[in-house]
N, C-alpha and C. Protein backbone atom coordinates (compact mmCIF):
# COMPACT_ATOMS: atom_id res chain seq x y z
N MET A 1 8.18 45.34 -11.26
CA MET A 1 6.68 45.52 -10.88
C MET A 1 5.89 44.72 -12.02
N LYS A 2 6.39 44.99 -13.40
CA LYS A 2 5.71 44.36 -14.35
C LYS A 2 5.83 42.88 -14.42
N LEU A 3 6.99 42.36 -13.97
CA LEU A 3 7.24 41.00 -13.90
C LEU A 3 6.40 40.34 -12.85
N CYS A 4 6.27 41.06 -11.79
CA CYS A 4 5.52 40.45 -10.63
C CYS A 4 3.95 40.44 -10.96
N LEU A 5 3.43 41.44 -11.75
CA LEU A 5 2.20 41.43 -12.25
C LEU A 5 1.94 40.26 -13.26
N CYS A 6 2.89 40.05 -14.11
CA CYS A 6 2.83 38.98 -15.07
C CYS A 6 2.83 37.57 -14.42
N ALA A 7 3.58 37.56 -13.45
CA ALA A 7 3.68 36.21 -12.64
C ALA A 7 2.26 35.98 -12.00
N ILE A 8 1.79 36.95 -11.33
CA ILE A 8 0.36 36.77 -10.74
C ILE A 8 -0.62 36.48 -11.70
N LEU A 9 -0.70 37.16 -12.87
CA LEU A 9 -1.72 36.78 -13.91
C LEU A 9 -1.55 35.48 -14.49
N LEU A 10 -0.26 34.98 -14.65
CA LEU A 10 -0.02 33.68 -15.22
C LEU A 10 -0.38 32.67 -14.25
N THR A 11 -0.12 32.78 -12.91
CA THR A 11 -0.48 31.79 -11.92
C THR A 11 -2.00 31.71 -11.79
N ALA A 12 -2.78 32.85 -11.83
CA ALA A 12 -4.15 32.87 -11.74
C ALA A 12 -4.80 32.07 -12.95
N PHE A 13 -4.19 32.44 -14.20
CA PHE A 13 -4.77 31.61 -15.30
C PHE A 13 -4.53 30.10 -15.28
N CYS A 14 -3.31 29.77 -14.89
CA CYS A 14 -3.03 28.39 -14.87
C CYS A 14 -3.87 27.62 -13.83
N SER A 15 -4.08 28.26 -12.78
CA SER A 15 -4.87 27.59 -11.75
C SER A 15 -6.29 27.27 -12.18
N GLN A 16 -6.81 28.24 -12.90
CA GLN A 16 -8.23 28.01 -13.51
C GLN A 16 -8.18 26.88 -14.52
N VAL A 17 -7.13 26.81 -15.33
CA VAL A 17 -7.15 25.73 -16.32
C VAL A 17 -6.95 24.36 -15.67
N LEU A 18 -6.06 24.44 -14.67
CA LEU A 18 -5.91 23.01 -14.08
C LEU A 18 -6.91 22.64 -12.98
N SER A 19 -7.92 23.52 -12.59
CA SER A 19 -8.84 23.17 -11.74
C SER A 19 -10.05 22.52 -12.38
N ALA A 20 -10.17 22.56 -13.70
CA ALA A 20 -11.16 21.91 -14.53
C ALA A 20 -10.98 20.36 -14.42
N PRO A 21 -11.98 19.57 -14.25
CA PRO A 21 -11.81 18.12 -14.25
C PRO A 21 -11.35 17.68 -15.51
N ALA A 22 -10.42 16.66 -15.59
CA ALA A 22 -10.06 16.10 -16.82
C ALA A 22 -11.01 15.48 -17.66
N GLY A 23 -11.14 15.74 -18.89
CA GLY A 23 -12.17 15.16 -19.67
C GLY A 23 -13.61 15.69 -19.51
N SER A 24 -13.65 16.85 -18.92
CA SER A 24 -14.99 17.38 -18.69
C SER A 24 -15.38 18.11 -20.08
N ASP A 25 -16.64 17.93 -20.26
CA ASP A 25 -17.22 18.55 -21.38
C ASP A 25 -18.39 19.27 -21.03
N PRO A 26 -18.89 20.23 -21.89
CA PRO A 26 -20.01 21.03 -21.46
C PRO A 26 -21.25 20.12 -21.35
N THR A 27 -22.06 20.40 -20.16
CA THR A 27 -23.27 19.54 -20.08
C THR A 27 -24.49 20.40 -20.43
N SER A 28 -25.34 19.79 -21.04
CA SER A 28 -26.62 20.49 -21.53
C SER A 28 -27.66 20.19 -20.37
N CYS A 29 -28.20 21.21 -19.84
CA CYS A 29 -29.21 21.04 -18.70
C CYS A 29 -30.44 21.92 -19.12
N CYS A 30 -31.65 21.53 -18.64
CA CYS A 30 -32.84 22.28 -18.98
C CYS A 30 -33.24 23.01 -17.69
N PHE A 31 -33.53 24.30 -17.92
CA PHE A 31 -33.90 25.11 -16.86
C PHE A 31 -35.35 25.66 -16.99
N SER A 32 -35.99 25.22 -18.02
CA SER A 32 -37.39 25.50 -18.27
C SER A 32 -38.01 24.36 -19.22
N TYR A 33 -39.13 24.12 -19.18
CA TYR A 33 -39.80 23.06 -19.87
C TYR A 33 -41.03 23.50 -20.73
N SER A 34 -41.31 22.66 -21.77
CA SER A 34 -42.42 23.01 -22.52
C SER A 34 -43.50 21.95 -22.24
N ALA A 35 -44.73 22.21 -22.03
CA ALA A 35 -45.64 21.20 -21.80
C ALA A 35 -46.42 20.68 -23.05
N ARG A 36 -46.18 21.46 -24.13
CA ARG A 36 -46.94 20.83 -25.31
C ARG A 36 -46.23 19.81 -26.00
N GLN A 37 -47.04 18.96 -26.73
CA GLN A 37 -46.43 17.74 -27.38
C GLN A 37 -45.84 18.15 -28.63
N ILE A 38 -44.70 17.59 -29.02
CA ILE A 38 -44.04 17.81 -30.24
C ILE A 38 -44.36 16.70 -31.28
N PRO A 39 -44.88 17.15 -32.41
CA PRO A 39 -45.21 16.12 -33.39
C PRO A 39 -44.10 15.19 -33.77
N ARG A 40 -44.34 13.93 -33.84
CA ARG A 40 -43.23 12.99 -33.95
C ARG A 40 -42.48 13.05 -35.28
N LYS A 41 -43.08 13.63 -36.27
CA LYS A 41 -42.43 13.78 -37.58
C LYS A 41 -41.16 14.97 -37.45
N HIS A 42 -41.27 15.78 -36.36
CA HIS A 42 -40.34 16.79 -36.17
C HIS A 42 -39.22 16.30 -35.34
N ILE A 43 -39.28 15.08 -34.66
CA ILE A 43 -38.18 14.59 -33.87
C ILE A 43 -37.27 13.62 -34.72
N ARG A 44 -35.93 14.13 -34.73
CA ARG A 44 -34.97 13.24 -35.48
C ARG A 44 -34.20 12.37 -34.47
N GLU A 45 -33.91 13.02 -33.31
CA GLU A 45 -33.17 12.15 -32.34
C GLU A 45 -33.49 12.89 -30.95
N TYR A 46 -33.19 12.22 -29.89
CA TYR A 46 -33.37 12.62 -28.55
C TYR A 46 -32.37 11.98 -27.58
N TYR A 47 -32.21 12.58 -26.41
CA TYR A 47 -31.27 12.17 -25.35
C TYR A 47 -31.62 12.69 -24.18
N TYR A 48 -31.28 11.92 -23.01
CA TYR A 48 -31.59 12.24 -21.69
C TYR A 48 -30.45 13.26 -21.22
N THR A 49 -30.81 14.21 -20.48
CA THR A 49 -29.82 15.19 -19.98
C THR A 49 -28.87 14.39 -18.90
N SER A 50 -27.78 14.99 -18.55
CA SER A 50 -26.81 14.34 -17.73
C SER A 50 -27.31 14.27 -16.28
N SER A 51 -26.82 13.25 -15.59
CA SER A 51 -27.31 13.12 -14.17
C SER A 51 -26.81 14.31 -13.25
N ARG A 52 -25.89 15.17 -13.80
CA ARG A 52 -25.35 16.28 -13.06
C ARG A 52 -26.23 17.43 -13.13
N CYS A 53 -27.30 17.38 -13.79
CA CYS A 53 -28.36 18.45 -14.05
C CYS A 53 -29.22 18.41 -12.83
N SER A 54 -29.75 19.55 -12.42
CA SER A 54 -30.62 19.61 -11.25
C SER A 54 -31.93 18.96 -11.47
N GLN A 55 -32.49 18.96 -12.76
CA GLN A 55 -33.70 18.18 -13.07
C GLN A 55 -33.58 17.38 -14.29
N PRO A 56 -34.13 16.18 -14.29
CA PRO A 56 -33.98 15.38 -15.42
C PRO A 56 -34.84 15.96 -16.66
N ALA A 57 -34.46 15.62 -17.77
CA ALA A 57 -35.13 16.01 -18.98
C ALA A 57 -34.73 15.16 -20.10
N ILE A 58 -35.51 15.30 -21.29
CA ILE A 58 -35.08 14.63 -22.38
C ILE A 58 -35.19 15.73 -23.55
N MET A 59 -34.02 15.84 -24.18
CA MET A 59 -33.84 16.81 -25.22
C MET A 59 -33.98 16.21 -26.65
């Protein structure tokens, strides 16, 4: 019984690991926005969010 349970858990774990796309990295997406302007002296760098995000943004 324990062996069967271990086999099921191992199969479930391996299928989750293998189902992730190769080379996938966490994607930063914005879900809320700020309308106020940020002073230029406070900005060190910026980048556009991924095209996989539901709404485009600059972070």
